[in-house]
Amino acid sequence: MSKFFIFMIVLMMPVATFAGYDKPYVGDMIEYDAKYEDTFIHLARDYNLGFTELRAANPYVDPWLPGRGTDLILPTRHLLPDAPREGIVINLADMRLYAFINGDEAPYHTPIGVGREGLSTPEGVTKIVRKVEGPVWRPTPRMRKADPTLKEAYYQGPDNPMGTHALYLGWPQYALHGTNRPFGIGRRVSSGCIRLYPEKISELFELIPVDTKVTVVNQPIKVAWIDDELFLEANPSLAQSVAMEEYGEVPEEKISNDEMRLIVKTAGQWQDRLRWPAIRKALKERNSYPVSIARRPSLEVKGDVIIEHEKAAFVETPEEAKDLIEGYEPAPEKRDDIEKAQDKNSKTGENTDKIQIAEDKTAEQDQDNPARMLNP
């Protein structure tokens, strides 16, 4: 058998053939018919979602009164972050925790609340150093200065914002803990700690031992092949999440070079199959669930013969992506058209309009309302 055939067979093998969960995603999408009494706060908790991702998936629906019969998208499928699949992986961008504790089964995953701007949750690698049932919350000097009515310590009870359980990290003053305000899950509202729904922190407390590795990343854009289809999941950035809270919609942001590189790198040899209108739409809307952006031909091996099914059409790569693709060369039949277009562009000039991004008013609001600064 030739080296080419061996290469193609290896290419068709699963990404991981060793022990461990080898799929690039968890969960499946749900279409939901809203009931009269539904709100996004209650739906999010019932379906293991966060408030922001549910609102991002349904941007034109009133989160407090969706209305009976309204068709909703529940973004219950998530692409996994690009991080080692061991211990706990936290992605600040999609505000979700993934615990790889089930061997080759899907990871335990749940939405989280994270730090707002100026009080951000740190990124990096640490571990669980201790577990406490009934943690005591001691407001920091900054918090007590902002609100002199705060007590020195809050023990277990309904007034304790740390909830019933806490898993302390190797980073001083940071922990995974519960909350007495579950409506803050899936939002950027904490002072840096990581909040979970009360029922989820109880489950995680029993599942996770001390010394478990914890990796914290910030990946708004995730890209992965699922079978022969390439999916892109775009989550709101910090500024976009804040704007969504303020204005109810996601302001546009320019597609960054890093985002473009990630997409074309993951597409690999099928870069010319990328559907750029779908990519631009996903990056503009940031709906927090995976959407298809390319399809590669399926391959079937019969003896020494490889049969390629579903021949996809060529799609020209946009100008802004070409410099990011190493060794990019347009298809021969497209080369003349591209050169003509480039000559025309050089005469007419480029469009350099910039997108106005909504201002982040979180810091200003904290000064006006000190009570917002008091949540760990």
Protein backbone atom coordinates (compact mmCIF):
# COMPACT_ATOMS: atom_id res chain seq x y z
CA MET A 1 0.00 0.00 0.00
CA SER A 2 1.44 3.40 -0.96
CA LYS A 3 2.36 6.12 1.51
CA PHE A 4 -0.51 8.24 0.17
CA PHE A 5 -3.09 5.59 1.01
CA ILE A 6 -1.57 5.06 4.46
CA PHE A 7 -1.71 8.83 5.07
CA MET A 8 -5.37 9.02 4.03
CA ILE A 9 -6.33 6.08 6.25
CA VAL A 10 -4.58 7.65 9.23
CA LEU A 11 -6.36 10.92 8.45
CA MET A 12 -9.71 9.14 8.69
CA MET A 13 -8.95 7.67 12.11
CA PRO A 14 -10.52 9.26 15.20
CA VAL A 15 -8.61 12.16 16.73
CA ALA A 16 -7.87 10.19 19.89
CA THR A 17 -7.56 6.41 20.03
CA PHE A 18 -6.40 6.35 23.64
CA ALA A 19 -8.51 6.22 26.77
CA GLY A 20 -10.46 9.39 27.45
CA TYR A 21 -13.32 11.37 25.99
CA ASP A 22 -12.46 11.92 22.33
CA LYS A 23 -15.37 13.99 21.03
CA PRO A 24 -14.84 17.72 20.44
CA TYR A 25 -18.19 18.68 21.99
CA VAL A 26 -20.67 17.95 24.76
CA GLY A 27 -24.46 17.99 24.65
CA ASP A 28 -27.03 18.43 21.90
CA MET A 29 -29.05 21.45 20.86
CA ILE A 30 -32.66 21.80 22.00
CA GLU A 31 -35.51 23.68 20.35
CA TYR A 32 -38.01 24.81 22.97
CA ASP A 33 -41.58 26.09 22.80
CA ALA A 34 -41.89 28.74 25.53
CA LYS A 35 -44.65 28.56 28.12
CA TYR A 36 -46.52 31.50 29.58
CA GLU A 37 -44.65 31.42 32.90
CA ASP A 38 -41.13 31.00 31.46
CA THR A 39 -38.30 33.47 32.01
CA PHE A 40 -34.69 33.13 30.88
CA ILE A 41 -33.54 33.01 34.52
CA HIS A 42 -35.64 29.91 35.21
CA LEU A 43 -35.02 28.24 31.85
CA ALA A 44 -31.27 28.69 32.24
CA ARG A 45 -31.25 26.88 35.58
CA ASP A 46 -33.61 24.13 34.41
CA TYR A 47 -31.44 23.33 31.36
CA ASN A 48 -27.96 23.79 32.87
CA LEU A 49 -27.37 27.07 31.02
CA GLY A 50 -26.17 30.54 31.92
CA PHE A 51 -28.24 33.68 31.47
CA THR A 52 -25.91 35.38 28.97
CA GLU A 53 -25.59 32.40 26.61
CA LEU A 54 -29.36 31.89 26.58
CA ARG A 55 -29.90 35.55 25.78
CA ALA A 56 -27.19 35.48 23.09
CA ALA A 57 -28.88 32.51 21.42
CA ASN A 58 -32.22 34.36 21.39
CA PRO A 59 -31.27 38.05 20.94
CA TYR A 60 -34.68 39.35 19.89
CA VAL A 61 -36.72 37.73 22.66
CA ASP A 62 -37.70 39.46 25.92
CA PRO A 63 -35.78 37.47 28.59
CA TRP A 64 -38.35 38.29 31.27
CA LEU A 65 -41.45 37.53 29.22
CA PRO A 66 -40.66 35.37 26.18
CA GLY A 67 -44.35 34.73 25.60
CA ARG A 68 -46.32 31.54 25.21
CA GLY A 69 -45.49 29.69 21.99
CA THR A 70 -42.26 31.57 21.26
CA ASP A 71 -39.67 29.33 19.60
CA LEU A 72 -36.44 29.39 21.60
CA ILE A 73 -33.00 27.95 20.94
CA LEU A 74 -31.46 26.36 24.02
CA PRO A 75 -27.67 26.37 23.41
CA THR A 76 -27.03 23.06 25.15
CA ARG A 77 -24.24 21.90 22.82
CA HIS A 78 -20.76 23.30 23.46
CA LEU A 79 -17.45 22.80 21.70
CA LEU A 80 -14.75 21.92 24.21
CA PRO A 81 -12.01 24.48 24.92
CA ASP A 82 -8.54 23.99 23.49
CA ALA A 83 -6.91 22.78 26.73
CA PRO A 84 -5.60 19.53 28.24
CA ARG A 85 -8.52 17.24 29.05
CA GLU A 86 -7.66 16.58 32.66
CA GLY A 87 -9.08 17.78 35.93
CA ILE A 88 -11.16 20.94 35.69
CA VAL A 89 -11.07 23.24 32.66
CA ILE A 90 -12.76 26.63 32.97
CA ASN A 91 -13.41 28.81 29.92
CA LEU A 92 -14.10 32.37 31.04
CA ALA A 93 -15.43 33.36 27.61
CA ASP A 94 -18.28 30.85 27.47
CA MET A 95 -18.63 30.99 31.27
CA ARG A 96 -18.60 27.23 31.66
CA LEU A 97 -16.73 24.66 33.74
CA TYR A 98 -15.75 21.25 32.32
CA ALA A 99 -14.61 18.48 34.69
CA PHE A 100 -12.84 15.55 33.00
CA ILE A 101 -13.44 12.99 35.71
CA ASN A 102 -15.45 10.30 33.93
CA GLY A 103 -12.79 8.54 31.88
CA ASP A 104 -14.05 8.07 28.34
CA GLU A 105 -17.49 9.51 29.17
CA ALA A 106 -18.51 13.10 28.51
CA PRO A 107 -17.12 15.62 31.02
CA TYR A 108 -19.26 17.00 33.80
CA HIS A 109 -20.07 20.56 32.74
CA THR A 110 -22.01 23.46 34.16
CA PRO A 111 -22.38 27.24 33.67
CA ILE A 112 -20.55 29.59 36.02
CA GLY A 113 -20.50 33.21 37.08
CA VAL A 114 -17.12 34.93 36.69
CA GLY A 115 -15.39 38.19 37.56
CA ARG A 116 -16.43 41.44 35.97
CA GLU A 117 -13.96 43.86 34.40
CA GLY A 118 -11.50 45.26 36.91
CA LEU A 119 -12.10 42.25 39.16
CA SER A 120 -11.31 39.57 36.62
CA THR A 121 -10.90 35.87 37.27
CA PRO A 122 -7.23 35.03 36.57
CA GLU A 123 -6.10 32.73 33.77
CA GLY A 124 -3.54 29.96 34.12
CA VAL A 125 -3.03 26.62 35.84
CA THR A 126 -3.57 25.92 39.53
CA LYS A 127 -5.21 23.20 41.64
CA ILE A 128 -7.80 22.58 44.34
CA VAL A 129 -5.98 23.04 47.66
CA ARG A 130 -8.86 22.48 50.11
CA LYS A 131 -12.59 21.82 50.28
CA VAL A 132 -14.90 23.41 52.82
CA GLU A 133 -18.53 22.64 53.58
CA GLY A 134 -20.19 25.70 55.06
CA PRO A 135 -17.53 28.27 54.06
CA VAL A 136 -17.24 31.57 55.93
CA TRP A 137 -17.29 34.73 53.84
CA ARG A 138 -15.10 37.56 55.10
CA PRO A 139 -15.57 40.79 53.12
CA THR A 140 -12.33 42.44 52.03
CA PRO A 141 -11.34 45.89 53.33
CA ARG A 142 -12.35 47.32 49.95
CA MET A 143 -15.83 45.87 50.30
CA ARG A 144 -16.28 47.07 53.88
CA LYS A 145 -15.11 50.54 52.93
CA ALA A 146 -17.70 50.64 50.15
CA ASP A 147 -20.41 49.41 52.53
CA PRO A 148 -19.70 50.04 56.24
CA THR A 149 -22.78 48.01 57.22
CA LEU A 150 -21.07 44.75 56.24
CA LYS A 151 -20.12 42.43 59.07
CA GLU A 152 -16.60 41.07 59.50
CA ALA A 153 -17.76 37.52 58.74
CA TYR A 154 -20.80 35.72 57.35
CA TYR A 155 -21.30 32.14 58.41
CA GLN A 156 -23.43 29.52 56.68
CA GLY A 157 -26.92 30.78 55.96
CA PRO A 158 -29.02 32.67 53.40
CA ASP A 159 -26.92 35.84 53.72
CA ASN A 160 -23.66 34.12 52.79
CA PRO A 161 -22.88 34.81 49.09
CA MET A 162 -20.49 31.83 49.01
CA GLY A 163 -23.35 29.38 49.39
CA THR A 164 -23.00 25.98 51.01
CA HIS A 165 -19.72 24.64 49.61
CA ALA A 166 -16.35 25.95 48.42
CA LEU A 167 -13.33 24.47 46.63
CA TYR A 168 -10.38 26.78 47.22
CA LEU A 169 -7.78 27.29 44.50
CA GLY A 170 -4.02 27.60 44.80
CA TRP A 171 -4.46 31.30 43.99
CA PRO A 172 -5.06 33.16 47.29
CA GLN A 173 -8.60 34.51 47.77
CA TYR A 174 -10.02 32.59 44.78
CA ALA A 175 -12.45 29.68 44.98
CA LEU A 176 -15.17 27.75 43.21
CA HIS A 177 -18.25 28.19 45.37
CA GLY A 178 -22.02 28.32 45.44
CA THR A 179 -24.17 31.41 45.68
CA ASN A 180 -27.24 32.85 47.35
CA ARG A 181 -28.05 34.65 44.09
CA PRO A 182 -28.41 31.98 41.39
CA PHE A 183 -29.62 34.53 38.84
CA GLY A 184 -25.97 35.65 38.55
CA ILE A 185 -24.82 32.36 37.02
CA GLY A 186 -23.70 32.78 33.42
CA ARG A 187 -22.99 36.46 33.99
CA ARG A 188 -19.92 38.57 34.77
CA VAL A 189 -20.89 39.74 38.23
CA SER A 190 -18.43 38.36 40.81
CA SER A 191 -15.31 39.89 42.33
CA GLY A 192 -13.18 37.22 40.68
CA CYS A 193 -14.33 33.97 42.28
CA ILE A 194 -16.19 31.37 40.24
CA ARG A 195 -19.84 30.83 41.19
CA LEU A 196 -21.97 27.78 40.50
CA TYR A 197 -25.66 27.03 40.95
CA PRO A 198 -26.29 25.73 44.51
CA GLU A 199 -27.14 22.22 43.29
CA LYS A 200 -24.09 22.12 40.99
CA ILE A 201 -21.53 23.11 43.62
CA SER A 202 -22.91 20.34 45.85
CA GLU A 203 -22.38 17.81 43.06
CA LEU A 204 -18.93 19.09 42.17
CA PHE A 205 -17.90 19.07 45.83
CA GLU A 206 -18.51 15.32 45.98
CA LEU A 207 -16.85 14.59 42.62
CA ILE A 208 -13.61 16.57 42.88
CA PRO A 209 -10.76 15.61 45.25
CA VAL A 210 -8.13 17.94 46.66
CA ASP A 211 -5.09 18.39 44.35
CA THR A 212 -7.25 18.24 41.21
CA LYS A 213 -5.66 20.28 38.42
CA VAL A 214 -7.55 23.43 37.37
CA THR A 215 -6.89 25.15 34.03
CA VAL A 216 -8.49 28.55 33.35
CA VAL A 217 -8.57 29.82 29.75
CA ASN A 218 -10.32 32.63 27.88
CA GLN A 219 -11.44 31.38 24.45
CA PRO A 220 -14.46 33.22 22.97
CA ILE A 221 -13.97 31.44 19.62
CA LYS A 222 -13.90 27.64 19.40
CA VAL A 223 -13.60 25.63 16.18
CA ALA A 224 -13.76 21.85 15.72
CA TRP A 225 -14.55 19.12 13.21
CA ILE A 226 -17.55 16.95 14.07
CA ASP A 227 -17.40 14.04 11.65
CA ASP A 228 -17.04 15.70 8.21
CA GLU A 229 -18.41 19.10 9.21
CA LEU A 230 -16.48 22.05 10.64
CA PHE A 231 -18.26 24.00 13.40
CA LEU A 232 -17.61 27.44 14.83
CA GLU A 233 -18.86 28.53 18.26
CA ALA A 234 -18.59 32.27 18.87
CA ASN A 235 -19.27 33.60 22.37
CA PRO A 236 -19.58 37.26 23.38
CA SER A 237 -16.38 38.95 24.51
CA LEU A 238 -16.25 40.74 27.86
CA ALA A 239 -17.25 44.07 26.32
CA GLN A 240 -20.03 42.42 24.32
CA SER A 241 -21.40 40.61 27.39
CA VAL A 242 -21.57 43.88 29.31
CA ALA A 243 -23.23 45.62 26.36
CA MET A 244 -25.77 42.82 26.12
CA GLU A 245 -26.69 43.43 29.77
CA GLU A 246 -27.00 47.16 29.11
CA TYR A 247 -28.58 47.34 25.67
CA GLY A 248 -29.97 43.87 24.96
CA GLU A 249 -27.87 43.26 21.84
CA VAL A 250 -24.30 42.35 20.91
CA PRO A 251 -22.26 45.18 19.37
CA GLU A 252 -20.11 44.17 16.42
CA GLU A 253 -16.38 43.70 16.78
CA LYS A 254 -13.81 43.44 14.00
CA ILE A 255 -12.67 39.90 13.25
CA SER A 256 -9.20 39.58 14.75
CA ASN A 257 -6.20 37.97 13.08
CA ASP A 258 -6.05 35.38 15.87
CA GLU A 259 -9.66 34.37 15.21
CA MET A 260 -8.97 34.12 11.49
CA ARG A 261 -5.84 32.04 12.05
CA LEU A 262 -7.71 29.63 14.32
CA ILE A 263 -10.41 29.08 11.71
CA VAL A 264 -8.11 28.50 8.74
CA LYS A 265 -5.70 26.36 10.80
CA THR A 266 -8.49 24.08 11.99
CA ALA A 267 -9.88 23.83 8.46
CA GLY A 268 -6.47 22.50 7.38
CA GLN A 269 -6.34 21.21 3.82
CA TRP A 270 -10.03 22.04 3.36
CA GLN A 271 -9.55 25.82 3.68
CA ASP A 272 -11.16 26.35 0.28
CA ARG A 273 -14.38 24.78 1.60
CA LEU A 274 -14.87 27.47 4.27
CA ARG A 275 -18.17 29.33 3.96
CA TRP A 276 -17.08 32.88 4.75
CA PRO A 277 -20.58 34.43 4.84
CA ALA A 278 -21.51 31.92 7.57
CA ILE A 279 -18.28 32.69 9.42
CA ARG A 280 -18.86 36.45 9.33
CA LYS A 281 -22.47 35.98 10.47
CA ALA A 282 -21.43 33.78 13.42
CA LEU A 283 -18.68 36.18 14.51
CA LYS A 284 -21.05 39.13 14.22
CA GLU A 285 -23.97 37.60 16.13
CA ARG A 286 -22.02 35.63 18.81
CA ASN A 287 -24.95 33.29 19.49
CA SER A 288 -22.99 30.97 21.85
CA TYR A 289 -23.71 27.74 20.00
CA PRO A 290 -21.87 25.83 17.22
CA VAL A 291 -22.77 26.59 13.60
CA SER A 292 -21.54 24.80 10.48
CA ILE A 293 -18.94 26.70 8.43
CA ALA A 294 -17.50 24.00 6.13
CA ARG A 295 -17.97 20.44 4.96
CA ARG A 296 -15.24 18.11 3.76
CA PRO A 297 -15.77 15.10 1.51
CA SER A 298 -16.33 11.82 3.29
CA LEU A 299 -13.81 9.12 2.40
CA GLU A 300 -14.44 5.40 2.01
CA VAL A 301 -11.63 2.84 1.79
CA LYS A 302 -12.22 -0.27 -0.32
CA GLY A 303 -9.04 -2.32 -0.47
CA ASP A 304 -6.37 -0.03 -1.93
CA VAL A 305 -8.96 2.36 -3.35
CA ILE A 306 -10.11 5.54 -1.59
CA ILE A 307 -13.50 6.79 -2.75
CA GLU A 308 -14.29 10.47 -2.16
CA HIS A 309 -17.97 11.29 -1.64
CA GLU A 310 -19.76 14.64 -1.76
CA LYS A 311 -17.47 16.80 -3.85
CA ALA A 312 -17.74 20.28 -2.34
CA ALA A 313 -17.64 23.47 -4.37
CA PHE A 314 -14.64 25.80 -4.33
CA VAL A 315 -15.14 28.95 -2.24
CA GLU A 316 -12.66 31.79 -2.71
CA THR A 317 -10.80 32.81 0.46
CA PRO A 318 -11.37 36.49 1.35
CA GLU A 319 -8.47 38.92 1.09
CA GLU A 320 -8.20 39.44 4.86
CA ALA A 321 -7.59 35.72 5.41
CA LYS A 322 -4.98 35.05 2.75
CA ASP A 323 -1.99 36.50 4.59
CA LEU A 324 -2.81 34.23 7.53
CA ILE A 325 -2.71 31.03 5.50
CA GLU A 326 0.82 29.75 5.05
CA GLY A 327 1.53 28.95 1.42
CA TYR A 328 -1.87 30.18 0.23
CA GLU A 329 -2.33 29.93 -3.53
CA PRO A 330 -5.70 30.51 -5.26
CA ALA A 331 -7.11 27.92 -7.61
CA PRO A 332 -5.64 28.34 -11.15
CA GLU A 333 -8.99 29.17 -12.73
CA LYS A 334 -9.49 31.93 -10.15
CA ARG A 335 -6.08 33.59 -10.45
CA ASP A 336 -6.88 35.91 -13.38
CA ASP A 337 -10.12 37.07 -11.78
CA ILE A 338 -8.32 37.84 -8.52
CA GLU A 339 -5.62 39.86 -10.26
CA LYS A 340 -8.26 41.91 -12.09
CA ALA A 341 -10.13 42.54 -8.86
CA GLN A 342 -6.94 43.59 -7.08
CA ASP A 343 -6.12 46.03 -9.88
CA LYS A 344 -9.60 47.51 -9.65
CA ASN A 345 -9.32 47.85 -5.86
CA SER A 346 -5.99 49.67 -6.16
CA LYS A 347 -7.71 52.32 -8.29
CA THR A 348 -10.87 52.77 -6.26
CA GLY A 349 -9.33 52.48 -2.79
CA GLU A 350 -10.31 50.38 0.18
CA ASN A 351 -13.23 50.81 2.50
CA THR A 352 -11.77 51.67 5.88
CA ASP A 353 -14.96 52.23 7.87
CA LYS A 354 -14.60 51.07 11.44
CA ILE A 355 -17.22 49.44 13.64
CA GLN A 356 -18.31 51.41 16.69
CA ILE A 357 -18.13 49.18 19.79
CA ALA A 358 -20.42 49.90 22.73
CA GLU A 359 -18.66 51.42 25.72
CA ASP A 360 -18.30 49.30 28.85
CA LYS A 361 -19.92 51.11 31.73
CA THR A 362 -19.32 48.52 34.45
CA ALA A 363 -16.69 50.51 36.40
CA GLU A 364 -18.85 53.64 36.37
CA GLN A 365 -21.85 51.68 37.63
CA ASP A 366 -19.81 50.15 40.46
CA GLN A 367 -18.90 53.64 41.65
CA ASP A 368 -22.52 54.78 41.51
CA ASN A 369 -23.80 51.64 43.20
CA PRO A 370 -21.28 50.22 45.74
CA ALA A 371 -23.58 47.28 46.49
CA ARG A 372 -22.63 45.77 43.13
CA MET A 373 -19.02 45.46 44.32
CA LEU A 374 -19.84 43.28 47.30
CA ASN A 375 -20.21 39.88 45.68
CA PRO A 376 -17.27 37.44 45.81
